[in-house]
Structure formats: structure tokens, C-alpha cells
Amino acid sequence: MRRVSLPGLLVALAAAPAAGQTRPQPQLLLTIFGGVSTGARLWEINRQPFARRDDPATFDSLRLSRTLQSALTLGASATIFPGPNLGLTAEIAYLGYDLDDACTATYIDPSIVDAGETEAICADVSRQGASAVALAFSAGLVYRVASRSFASPYLRAQAGITARNSSTVEMQGRFLLNSEPQTRVVLDDPKGGAINPTAAFGLGVMIPFAHGYQARFEVRDQLVMARDATGPAAANSLQVPPTGTKLVHSVGLLFQLDIVLEQRRGRRY
């Protein structure tokens, strides 16, 4: 007679029903997410003429730069999987970028007209921080593998637009005049906000943790377009520099919570 050990029998009994079972397969997902992403250097002007307020023929010189800081990302999406692998997704995301500005006075005219104002304006530019908040609307594809497993890796590719209501070029600084705070435009941007194309590529994993819920961890490269100053403004009172458009890669880590609205049942036997 063949002898069977007790540990071997327990393993066989535990494995037998598991072999005939499969997990549910999520089909329709409603997702909320949040995370942080990196920033990038936007532009730099080494010698920007800056006219004295009461003597437009007298110029100081400034070095100006602007950097897109790390962003807080929040959003929501809906995803449907008609089949086991390929899904369609639509998303709205808040991209909360801040701007880090730097201003250095490289030359100060020795004239006593408006003495000290340029230095005060420049110090205020470096001290304060503007924002470049944007809303991104996009749609695309999600491809997952092992959709009935404990962990399901996936790839994402999507495209859309970003809408920004503030300029990434305009720069202002404050100073005191007769003890009253005043503001002067250092660089102007008549175009203001902008609507630009955007795209995103992601790599992540879905992990079911309760009935009807999944957690996701995703590394994403968000491609955003931003207007940048390509040179100094002309030496006049308008302070409008030439501008272009720059592609910025903003790589971030997102945590996402999926609410599973529909799913295909798993096999029990």
C-alpha cells in the first residue's frame, strides 16, 4: 500500500479547489487618484533691460529665470474593459504646478532716480511664488495582463488637452512708494493662459483588496506644453519678450483607488 504523509495530504486538499477557481475580472472601473510629479526648468534670460519708473531712458539689467516645481496631481477617471486585456479610459486631472522665480540685478545704473526700486522689485520676484495650475482632459487605452490574478500589471497611453488660466511667462514684482505697496511688470504676456495638447504614458499594477475595490500604483510620464521666454524683452516700457512653446516631461508616482462597478464572475469549480 502507498503511504501518504499528513503534510502532503493537507497541501493536496488545499490546492484541489484552488485549481478550479478563478478571481472575478473587473470590467467597469470608476477611479480617483492622487500623487506628485517632478518639475523642470522653463526659461532663463541673462540680460533683461529694465527701465527706471521715472526715467524710461535709464536702464538697469536683470537676470531672470523660472522653474516649474513639483506638482500635486489629483483626478478621476472611468475605464471600461470590453475584453480581458484592452480597455478604454477617460480622465480629468488637476495639475497643481507652482513656479519658482529667480531675479538677480546684474547692473544698477548709478542714477539716483528711483534708487533702490529695482533691487526691491527683484527681491520680491525671487521671494514670491506664482502658480501654473492646469486642468488636463484626456482619453486613451489601458492594456492589462493577468486580469484574474492577485496583481495585474498594465500599460497606459492617452492624449488630450490642458487648459491653463495663467501665464508661464508673465512676471511681476512689488516695491514701496511713499510707504504704499506698488507693483511693476517685469515681463508681460498679453496671451495670458493657454490651451495646449498633452499626453501621458504610464506603467502600473492593479491589486484587488476587497470586494468591489482595487488599489493601483502607477508611474506616469505626463507630457505638458508650456510657453517660455526665448529672449529678453525690448528696451521699452512694454516688457513683452519673444516666446515659444516648450515640451515638459513631468514624471510622477500616483496612487489610485478603483471602485469596481461591473465585473465578470470567476469560476468556482
C-alpha atoms as a PDB file:
ATOM      1  CA  MET A   1       0.000   0.000   0.000  1.00  0.00           C
ATOM      2  CA  ARG A   2       1.236   3.505  -0.912  1.00  0.00           C
ATOM      3  CA  ARG A   3       1.920   5.665   2.113  1.00  0.00           C
ATOM      4  CA  VAL A   4       0.779   9.333   2.115  1.00  0.00           C
ATOM      5  CA  SER A   5       2.181  11.780   4.654  1.00  0.00           C
ATOM      6  CA  LEU A   6      -0.129  14.134   6.537  1.00  0.00           C
ATOM      7  CA  PRO A   7       1.565  17.357   5.290  1.00  0.00           C
ATOM      8  CA  GLY A   8       1.308  16.138   1.695  1.00  0.00           C
ATOM      9  CA  LEU A   9      -2.387  15.353   2.140  1.00  0.00           C
ATOM     10  CA  LEU A  10      -3.107  18.836   3.527  1.00  0.00           C
ATOM     11  CA  VAL A  11      -1.320  20.531   0.617  1.00  0.00           C
ATOM     12  CA  ALA A  12      -3.245  18.426  -1.902  1.00  0.00           C
ATOM     13  CA  LEU A  13      -6.588  19.218  -0.275  1.00  0.00           C
ATOM     14  CA  ALA A  14      -5.843  22.963  -0.234  1.00  0.00           C
ATOM     15  CA  ALA A  15      -4.677  23.013  -3.847  1.00  0.00           C
ATOM     16  CA  ALA A  16      -7.516  20.965  -5.329  1.00  0.00           C
ATOM     17  CA  PRO A  17     -10.323  23.556  -5.054  1.00  0.00           C
ATOM     18  CA  ALA A  18      -7.951  26.435  -5.868  1.00  0.00           C
ATOM     19  CA  ALA A  19      -7.115  24.850  -9.207  1.00  0.00           C
ATOM     20  CA  GLY A  20     -10.764  25.059 -10.220  1.00  0.00           C
ATOM     21  CA  GLN A  21     -11.290  28.653  -9.032  1.00  0.00           C
ATOM     22  CA  THR A  22     -10.559  31.974 -10.721  1.00  0.00           C
ATOM     23  CA  ARG A  23     -10.913  35.508  -9.437  1.00  0.00           C
ATOM     24  CA  PRO A  24     -13.512  37.953 -10.797  1.00  0.00           C
ATOM     25  CA  GLN A  25     -12.456  40.057 -13.779  1.00  0.00           C
ATOM     26  CA  PRO A  26     -13.185  43.805 -13.378  1.00  0.00           C
ATOM     27  CA  GLN A  27     -14.904  45.386 -16.412  1.00  0.00           C
ATOM     28  CA  LEU A  28     -16.097  48.874 -15.442  1.00  0.00           C
ATOM     29  CA  LEU A  29     -13.971  50.980 -13.087  1.00  0.00           C
ATOM     30  CA  LEU A  30     -14.517  54.386 -11.528  1.00  0.00           C
ATOM     31  CA  THR A  31     -11.209  55.738 -10.213  1.00  0.00           C
ATOM     32  CA  ILE A  32      -9.998  58.578  -8.003  1.00  0.00           C
ATOM     33  CA  PHE A  33      -6.275  59.253  -7.717  1.00  0.00           C
ATOM     34  CA  GLY A  34      -3.597  61.498  -6.319  1.00  0.00           C
ATOM     35  CA  GLY A  35       0.169  61.830  -6.337  1.00  0.00           C
ATOM     36  CA  VAL A  36       3.167  64.038  -7.008  1.00  0.00           C
ATOM     37  CA  SER A  37       5.259  64.645 -10.107  1.00  0.00           C
ATOM     38  CA  THR A  38       8.543  66.338 -10.947  1.00  0.00           C
ATOM     39  CA  GLY A  39       9.041  69.802 -12.430  1.00  0.00           C
ATOM     40  CA  ALA A  40      11.541  71.267 -14.902  1.00  0.00           C
ATOM     41  CA  ARG A  41      13.447  74.424 -15.828  1.00  0.00           C
ATOM     42  CA  LEU A  42      11.258  76.556 -18.128  1.00  0.00           C
ATOM     43  CA  TRP A  43      13.386  79.502 -19.251  1.00  0.00           C
ATOM     44  CA  GLU A  44      16.199  81.914 -18.388  1.00  0.00           C
ATOM     45  CA  ILE A  45      17.085  85.430 -19.559  1.00  0.00           C
ATOM     46  CA  ASN A  46      20.627  86.525 -18.731  1.00  0.00           C
ATOM     47  CA  ARG A  47      20.340  90.252 -19.544  1.00  0.00           C
ATOM     48  CA  GLN A  48      16.890  91.827 -19.371  1.00  0.00           C
ATOM     49  CA  PRO A  49      16.830  95.657 -19.678  1.00  0.00           C
ATOM     50  CA  PHE A  50      14.596  97.222 -17.025  1.00  0.00           C
ATOM     51  CA  ALA A  51      13.716 100.921 -17.302  1.00  0.00           C
ATOM     52  CA  ARG A  52      13.554 103.181 -14.276  1.00  0.00           C
ATOM     53  CA  ARG A  53       9.987 104.178 -13.467  1.00  0.00           C
ATOM     54  CA  ASP A  54      10.500 107.973 -13.594  1.00  0.00           C
ATOM     55  CA  ASP A  55      13.265 107.948 -16.208  1.00  0.00           C
ATOM     56  CA  PRO A  56      12.497 105.489 -19.064  1.00  0.00           C
ATOM     57  CA  ALA A  57      15.812 106.373 -20.697  1.00  0.00           C
ATOM     58  CA  THR A  58      17.728 104.914 -17.736  1.00  0.00           C
ATOM     59  CA  PHE A  59      18.049 101.123 -17.652  1.00  0.00           C
ATOM     60  CA  ASP A  60      19.131  98.535 -15.139  1.00  0.00           C
ATOM     61  CA  SER A  61      19.853  94.929 -16.126  1.00  0.00           C
ATOM     62  CA  LEU A  62      18.328  91.772 -14.634  1.00  0.00           C
ATOM     63  CA  ARG A  63      18.967  88.044 -14.835  1.00  0.00           C
ATOM     64  CA  LEU A  64      15.615  86.223 -14.738  1.00  0.00           C
ATOM     65  CA  SER A  65      14.713  82.535 -14.591  1.00  0.00           C
ATOM     66  CA  ARG A  66      11.618  80.425 -13.968  1.00  0.00           C
ATOM     67  CA  THR A  67      11.324  76.784 -12.922  1.00  0.00           C
ATOM     68  CA  LEU A  68       8.269  74.546 -12.852  1.00  0.00           C
ATOM     69  CA  GLN A  69       8.246  72.958  -9.401  1.00  0.00           C
ATOM     70  CA  SER A  70       6.959  69.550  -8.359  1.00  0.00           C
ATOM     71  CA  ALA A  71       3.207  69.257  -8.804  1.00  0.00           C
ATOM     72  CA  LEU A  72       0.347  67.855  -6.788  1.00  0.00           C
ATOM     73  CA  THR A  73      -1.821  65.742  -9.089  1.00  0.00           C
ATOM     74  CA  LEU A  74      -5.454  64.905  -8.328  1.00  0.00           C
ATOM     75  CA  GLY A  75      -8.099  63.468 -10.603  1.00  0.00           C
ATOM     76  CA  ALA A  76     -10.756  60.983 -11.540  1.00  0.00           C
ATOM     77  CA  SER A  77     -11.251  58.581 -14.432  1.00  0.00           C
ATOM     78  CA  ALA A  78     -13.563  55.927 -15.833  1.00  0.00           C
ATOM     79  CA  THR A  79     -12.309  52.786 -17.555  1.00  0.00           C
ATOM     80  CA  ILE A  80     -14.175  50.034 -19.369  1.00  0.00           C
ATOM     81  CA  PHE A  81     -12.712  46.677 -20.419  1.00  0.00           C
ATOM     82  CA  PRO A  82     -14.841  45.090 -23.170  1.00  0.00           C
ATOM     83  CA  GLY A  83     -12.460  42.127 -23.147  1.00  0.00           C
ATOM     84  CA  PRO A  84      -9.942  40.630 -20.731  1.00  0.00           C
ATOM     85  CA  ASN A  85      -6.986  42.845 -21.685  1.00  0.00           C
ATOM     86  CA  LEU A  86      -7.645  46.064 -23.641  1.00  0.00           C
ATOM     87  CA  GLY A  87      -9.644  48.878 -22.047  1.00  0.00           C
ATOM     88  CA  LEU A  88     -10.803  52.400 -22.882  1.00  0.00           C
ATOM     89  CA  THR A  89     -10.287  55.203 -20.377  1.00  0.00           C
ATOM     90  CA  ALA A  90     -11.280  58.877 -19.984  1.00  0.00           C
ATOM     91  CA  GLU A  91      -9.753  61.149 -17.354  1.00  0.00           C
ATOM     92  CA  ILE A  92      -9.799  64.628 -15.828  1.00  0.00           C
ATOM     93  CA  ALA A  93      -6.796  65.689 -13.758  1.00  0.00           C
ATOM     94  CA  TYR A  94      -5.764  68.735 -11.720  1.00  0.00           C
ATOM     95  CA  LEU A  95      -2.065  69.568 -12.180  1.00  0.00           C
ATOM     96  CA  GLY A  96      -1.087  71.900  -9.357  1.00  0.00           C
ATOM     97  CA  TYR A  97       2.257  73.245 -10.535  1.00  0.00           C
ATOM     98  CA  ASP A  98       3.970  76.096  -8.675  1.00  0.00           C
ATOM     99  CA  LEU A  99       6.539  78.404 -10.244  1.00  0.00           C
ATOM    100  CA  ASP A 100       9.912  79.139  -8.673  1.00  0.00           C
ATOM    101  CA  ASP A 101      11.241  82.501  -9.904  1.00  0.00           C
ATOM    102  CA  ALA A 102      14.731  83.944  -9.534  1.00  0.00           C
ATOM    103  CA  CYS A 103      15.822  87.526 -10.191  1.00  0.00           C
ATOM    104  CA  THR A 104      19.320  88.998  -9.851  1.00  0.00           C
ATOM    105  CA  ALA A 105      20.253  92.611 -10.559  1.00  0.00           C
ATOM    106  CA  THR A 106      23.373  92.317 -12.748  1.00  0.00           C
ATOM    107  CA  TYR A 107      23.703  96.082 -13.352  1.00  0.00           C
ATOM    108  CA  ILE A 108      22.256  99.065 -11.474  1.00  0.00           C
ATOM    109  CA  ASP A 109      22.569 102.488 -13.104  1.00  0.00           C
ATOM    110  CA  PRO A 110      24.225 104.925 -10.664  1.00  0.00           C
ATOM    111  CA  SER A 111      21.454 107.496 -11.214  1.00  0.00           C
ATOM    112  CA  ILE A 112      19.615 108.489  -8.028  1.00  0.00           C
ATOM    113  CA  VAL A 113      16.266 108.432  -9.872  1.00  0.00           C
ATOM    114  CA  ASP A 114      14.084 105.725  -8.274  1.00  0.00           C
ATOM    115  CA  ALA A 115      17.139 104.472  -6.376  1.00  0.00           C
ATOM    116  CA  GLY A 116      16.583 101.106  -4.714  1.00  0.00           C
ATOM    117  CA  GLU A 117      13.340 100.264  -6.528  1.00  0.00           C
ATOM    118  CA  THR A 118      14.851  97.782  -8.961  1.00  0.00           C
ATOM    119  CA  GLU A 119      16.565  95.880  -6.144  1.00  0.00           C
ATOM    120  CA  ALA A 120      13.300  95.771  -4.162  1.00  0.00           C
ATOM    121  CA  ILE A 121      11.325  94.543  -7.180  1.00  0.00           C
ATOM    122  CA  CYS A 122      13.924  91.887  -7.948  1.00  0.00           C
ATOM    123  CA  ALA A 123      13.963  90.671  -4.335  1.00  0.00           C
ATOM    124  CA  ASP A 124      10.166  90.392  -4.358  1.00  0.00           C
ATOM    125  CA  VAL A 125      10.206  88.368  -7.591  1.00  0.00           C
ATOM    126  CA  SER A 126      12.611  85.866  -6.007  1.00  0.00           C
ATOM    127  CA  ARG A 127      10.622  85.759  -2.766  1.00  0.00           C
ATOM    128  CA  GLN A 128       7.123  85.210  -4.071  1.00  0.00           C
ATOM    129  CA  GLY A 129       5.858  82.191  -5.997  1.00  0.00           C
ATOM    130  CA  ALA A 130       3.329  82.204  -8.805  1.00  0.00           C
ATOM    131  CA  SER A 131       1.255  79.208  -9.898  1.00  0.00           C
ATOM    132  CA  ALA A 132       0.689  77.447 -13.197  1.00  0.00           C
ATOM    133  CA  VAL A 133      -2.315  75.306 -12.305  1.00  0.00           C
ATOM    134  CA  ALA A 134      -3.764  73.357 -15.230  1.00  0.00           C
ATOM    135  CA  LEU A 135      -6.661  71.021 -15.894  1.00  0.00           C
ATOM    136  CA  ALA A 136      -5.983  68.068 -18.178  1.00  0.00           C
ATOM    137  CA  PHE A 137      -8.734  66.305 -20.120  1.00  0.00           C
ATOM    138  CA  SER A 138      -7.619  63.116 -21.864  1.00  0.00           C
ATOM    139  CA  ALA A 139      -8.702  59.725 -23.182  1.00  0.00           C
ATOM    140  CA  GLY A 140      -6.808  56.646 -24.282  1.00  0.00           C
ATOM    141  CA  LEU A 141      -6.101  52.950 -23.849  1.00  0.00           C
ATOM    142  CA  VAL A 142      -5.154  50.689 -20.946  1.00  0.00           C
ATOM    143  CA  TYR A 143      -3.684  47.241 -21.604  1.00  0.00           C
ATOM    144  CA  ARG A 144      -3.615  44.833 -18.656  1.00  0.00           C
ATOM    145  CA  VAL A 145      -2.320  41.292 -18.256  1.00  0.00           C
ATOM    146  CA  ALA A 146      -3.285  38.563 -15.769  1.00  0.00           C
ATOM    147  CA  SER A 147      -6.617  40.286 -15.143  1.00  0.00           C
ATOM    148  CA  ARG A 148      -7.840  37.496 -12.835  1.00  0.00           C
ATOM    149  CA  SER A 149      -4.651  37.294 -10.782  1.00  0.00           C
ATOM    150  CA  PHE A 150      -3.844  38.765  -7.387  1.00  0.00           C
ATOM    151  CA  ALA A 151      -1.855  41.539  -9.116  1.00  0.00           C
ATOM    152  CA  SER A 152      -2.484  42.705 -12.680  1.00  0.00           C
ATOM    153  CA  PRO A 153       0.240  44.816 -14.377  1.00  0.00           C
ATOM    154  CA  TYR A 154      -0.875  47.318 -17.020  1.00  0.00           C
ATOM    155  CA  LEU A 155       0.306  49.934 -19.526  1.00  0.00           C
ATOM    156  CA  ARG A 156      -1.432  53.240 -20.237  1.00  0.00           C
ATOM    157  CA  ALA A 157      -1.319  55.643 -23.213  1.00  0.00           C
ATOM    158  CA  GLN A 158      -3.621  58.657 -23.511  1.00  0.00           C
ATOM    159  CA  ALA A 159      -3.828  62.090 -25.125  1.00  0.00           C
ATOM    160  CA  GLY A 160      -5.909  65.231 -24.731  1.00  0.00           C
ATOM    161  CA  ILE A 161      -5.621  68.915 -23.814  1.00  0.00           C
ATOM    162  CA  THR A 162      -4.545  71.029 -20.847  1.00  0.00           C
ATOM    163  CA  ALA A 163      -6.224  74.331 -20.005  1.00  0.00           C
ATOM    164  CA  ARG A 164      -4.221  76.886 -18.009  1.00  0.00           C
ATOM    165  CA  ASN A 165      -5.642  80.245 -16.888  1.00  0.00           C
ATOM    166  CA  SER A 166      -2.325  81.917 -16.031  1.00  0.00           C
ATOM    167  CA  SER A 167       0.851  82.682 -17.964  1.00  0.00           C
ATOM    168  CA  THR A 168       4.149  80.841 -17.525  1.00  0.00           C
ATOM    169  CA  VAL A 169       5.997  83.941 -18.826  1.00  0.00           C
ATOM    170  CA  GLU A 170       4.444  86.929 -17.045  1.00  0.00           C
ATOM    171  CA  MET A 171       6.435  88.131 -14.037  1.00  0.00           C
ATOM    172  CA  GLN A 172       5.715  90.947 -11.549  1.00  0.00           C
ATOM    173  CA  GLY A 173       7.416  92.445  -8.522  1.00  0.00           C
ATOM    174  CA  ARG A 174       6.367  94.763  -5.713  1.00  0.00           C
ATOM    175  CA  PHE A 175       8.034  97.762  -4.089  1.00  0.00           C
ATOM    176  CA  LEU A 176       7.101 100.524  -1.649  1.00  0.00           C
ATOM    177  CA  LEU A 177       6.296 104.032  -2.870  1.00  0.00           C
ATOM    178  CA  ASN A 178       5.576 106.547  -0.086  1.00  0.00           C
ATOM    179  CA  SER A 179       5.019 103.543   2.232  1.00  0.00           C
ATOM    180  CA  GLU A 180       2.356 102.148  -0.104  1.00  0.00           C
ATOM    181  CA  PRO A 181       2.900  98.802  -1.918  1.00  0.00           C
ATOM    182  CA  GLN A 182       3.101  99.124  -5.705  1.00  0.00           C
ATOM    183  CA  THR A 183       3.506  96.520  -8.442  1.00  0.00           C
ATOM    184  CA  ARG A 184       5.569  96.695 -11.612  1.00  0.00           C
ATOM    185  CA  VAL A 185       5.540  94.310 -14.538  1.00  0.00           C
ATOM    186  CA  VAL A 186       8.975  92.780 -15.110  1.00  0.00           C
ATOM    187  CA  LEU A 187       7.844  90.648 -18.072  1.00  0.00           C
ATOM    188  CA  ASP A 188       4.435  90.878 -19.704  1.00  0.00           C
ATOM    189  CA  ASP A 189       2.487  88.227 -21.608  1.00  0.00           C
ATOM    190  CA  PRO A 190      -0.643  89.554 -23.358  1.00  0.00           C
ATOM    191  CA  LYS A 191      -1.663  85.997 -24.296  1.00  0.00           C
ATOM    192  CA  GLY A 192      -2.209  85.002 -20.651  1.00  0.00           C
ATOM    193  CA  GLY A 193      -3.477  81.430 -20.244  1.00  0.00           C
ATOM    194  CA  ALA A 194      -3.379  78.765 -22.924  1.00  0.00           C
ATOM    195  CA  ILE A 195      -4.911  75.524 -24.169  1.00  0.00           C
ATOM    196  CA  ASN A 196      -2.295  73.002 -25.294  1.00  0.00           C
ATOM    197  CA  PRO A 197      -2.149  69.335 -26.300  1.00  0.00           C
ATOM    198  CA  THR A 198      -0.993  66.842 -23.688  1.00  0.00           C
ATOM    199  CA  ALA A 199      -0.201  63.136 -23.478  1.00  0.00           C
ATOM    200  CA  ALA A 200       0.537  60.623 -20.738  1.00  0.00           C
ATOM    201  CA  PHE A 201       2.209  57.217 -20.586  1.00  0.00           C
ATOM    202  CA  GLY A 202       2.055  55.010 -17.519  1.00  0.00           C
ATOM    203  CA  LEU A 203       3.136  51.683 -16.079  1.00  0.00           C
ATOM    204  CA  GLY A 204       1.329  50.294 -13.063  1.00  0.00           C
ATOM    205  CA  VAL A 205      -0.240  47.411 -11.219  1.00  0.00           C
ATOM    206  CA  MET A 206      -3.829  46.732 -10.066  1.00  0.00           C
ATOM    207  CA  ILE A 207      -4.293  44.912  -6.744  1.00  0.00           C
ATOM    208  CA  PRO A 208      -7.786  43.876  -5.577  1.00  0.00           C
ATOM    209  CA  PHE A 209      -8.026  44.238  -1.782  1.00  0.00           C
ATOM    210  CA  ALA A 210     -11.755  43.977  -1.014  1.00  0.00           C
ATOM    211  CA  HIS A 211     -14.971  43.017  -2.770  1.00  0.00           C
ATOM    212  CA  GLY A 212     -15.557  45.707  -5.414  1.00  0.00           C
ATOM    213  CA  TYR A 213     -12.331  47.649  -4.776  1.00  0.00           C
ATOM    214  CA  GLN A 214      -8.821  47.754  -6.243  1.00  0.00           C
ATOM    215  CA  ALA A 215      -5.678  49.713  -5.413  1.00  0.00           C
ATOM    216  CA  ARG A 216      -3.367  50.901  -8.164  1.00  0.00           C
ATOM    217  CA  PHE A 217       0.208  52.124  -8.090  1.00  0.00           C
ATOM    218  CA  GLU A 218       1.361  53.844 -11.267  1.00  0.00           C
ATOM    219  CA  VAL A 219       4.487  55.571 -12.545  1.00  0.00           C
ATOM    220  CA  ARG A 220       3.410  58.128 -15.143  1.00  0.00           C
ATOM    221  CA  ASP A 221       5.133  60.493 -17.573  1.00  0.00           C
ATOM    222  CA  GLN A 222       2.809  63.461 -18.134  1.00  0.00           C
ATOM    223  CA  LEU A 223       3.827  65.493 -21.202  1.00  0.00           C
ATOM    224  CA  VAL A 224       2.722  69.133 -20.905  1.00  0.00           C
ATOM    225  CA  MET A 225       3.324  72.134 -23.147  1.00  0.00           C
ATOM    226  CA  ALA A 226       4.296  75.461 -21.567  1.00  0.00           C
ATOM    227  CA  ARG A 227       5.041  78.850 -23.088  1.00  0.00           C
ATOM    228  CA  ASP A 228       8.587  80.051 -22.403  1.00  0.00           C
ATOM    229  CA  ALA A 229      10.531  83.271 -22.919  1.00  0.00           C
ATOM    230  CA  THR A 230      13.068  82.723 -25.694  1.00  0.00           C
ATOM    231  CA  GLY A 231      14.901  86.035 -25.242  1.00  0.00           C
ATOM    232  CA  PRO A 232      14.825  89.409 -23.488  1.00  0.00           C
ATOM    233  CA  ALA A 233      12.053  91.940 -23.997  1.00  0.00           C
ATOM    234  CA  ALA A 234      12.951  95.027 -25.993  1.00  0.00           C
ATOM    235  CA  ALA A 235      14.272  98.002 -24.024  1.00  0.00           C
ATOM    236  CA  ASN A 236      10.933  99.807 -23.728  1.00  0.00           C
ATOM    237  CA  SER A 237       8.050 100.097 -21.304  1.00  0.00           C
ATOM    238  CA  LEU A 238       6.054  97.206 -22.803  1.00  0.00           C
ATOM    239  CA  GLN A 239       8.301  94.446 -21.353  1.00  0.00           C
ATOM    240  CA  VAL A 240       6.944  91.808 -23.788  1.00  0.00           C
ATOM    241  CA  PRO A 241       9.591  89.161 -24.596  1.00  0.00           C
ATOM    242  CA  PRO A 242       9.594  86.810 -27.597  1.00  0.00           C
ATOM    243  CA  THR A 243       8.005  83.489 -26.635  1.00  0.00           C
ATOM    244  CA  GLY A 244       7.892  79.876 -27.789  1.00  0.00           C
ATOM    245  CA  THR A 245       6.424  76.596 -26.609  1.00  0.00           C
ATOM    246  CA  LYS A 246       8.360  74.025 -24.613  1.00  0.00           C
ATOM    247  CA  LEU A 247       7.592  70.335 -24.041  1.00  0.00           C
ATOM    248  CA  VAL A 248       7.984  69.344 -20.383  1.00  0.00           C
ATOM    249  CA  HIS A 249       8.231  65.767 -19.096  1.00  0.00           C
ATOM    250  CA  SER A 250       6.655  65.546 -15.632  1.00  0.00           C
ATOM    251  CA  VAL A 251       7.298  62.093 -14.158  1.00  0.00           C
ATOM    252  CA  GLY A 252       5.220  61.182 -11.125  1.00  0.00           C
ATOM    253  CA  LEU A 253       4.006  58.444  -8.805  1.00  0.00           C
ATOM    254  CA  LEU A 254       0.230  58.060  -8.454  1.00  0.00           C
ATOM    255  CA  PHE A 255      -1.903  56.111  -6.013  1.00  0.00           C
ATOM    256  CA  GLN A 256      -5.330  55.200  -7.377  1.00  0.00           C
ATOM    257  CA  LEU A 257      -8.463  53.705  -5.856  1.00  0.00           C
ATOM    258  CA  ASP A 258     -10.736  51.751  -8.200  1.00  0.00           C
ATOM    259  CA  ILE A 259     -14.419  51.213  -7.479  1.00  0.00           C
ATOM    260  CA  VAL A 260     -15.444  48.162  -9.497  1.00  0.00           C
ATOM    261  CA  LEU A 261     -18.937  48.821 -10.869  1.00  0.00           C
ATOM    262  CA  GLU A 262     -19.118  45.727 -13.081  1.00  0.00           C
ATOM    263  CA  GLN A 263     -17.106  42.528 -13.263  1.00  0.00           C
ATOM    264  CA  ARG A 264     -17.171  39.078 -14.805  1.00  0.00           C
ATOM    265  CA  ARG A 265     -17.634  36.396 -12.202  1.00  0.00           C
ATOM    266  CA  GLY A 266     -14.807  33.988 -11.527  1.00  0.00           C
ATOM    267  CA  ARG A 267     -15.116  30.223 -11.849  1.00  0.00           C
ATOM    268  CA  ARG A 268     -15.758  28.458  -8.538  1.00  0.00           C
ATOM    269  CA  TYR A 269     -15.309  24.837  -9.611  1.00  0.00           C
END
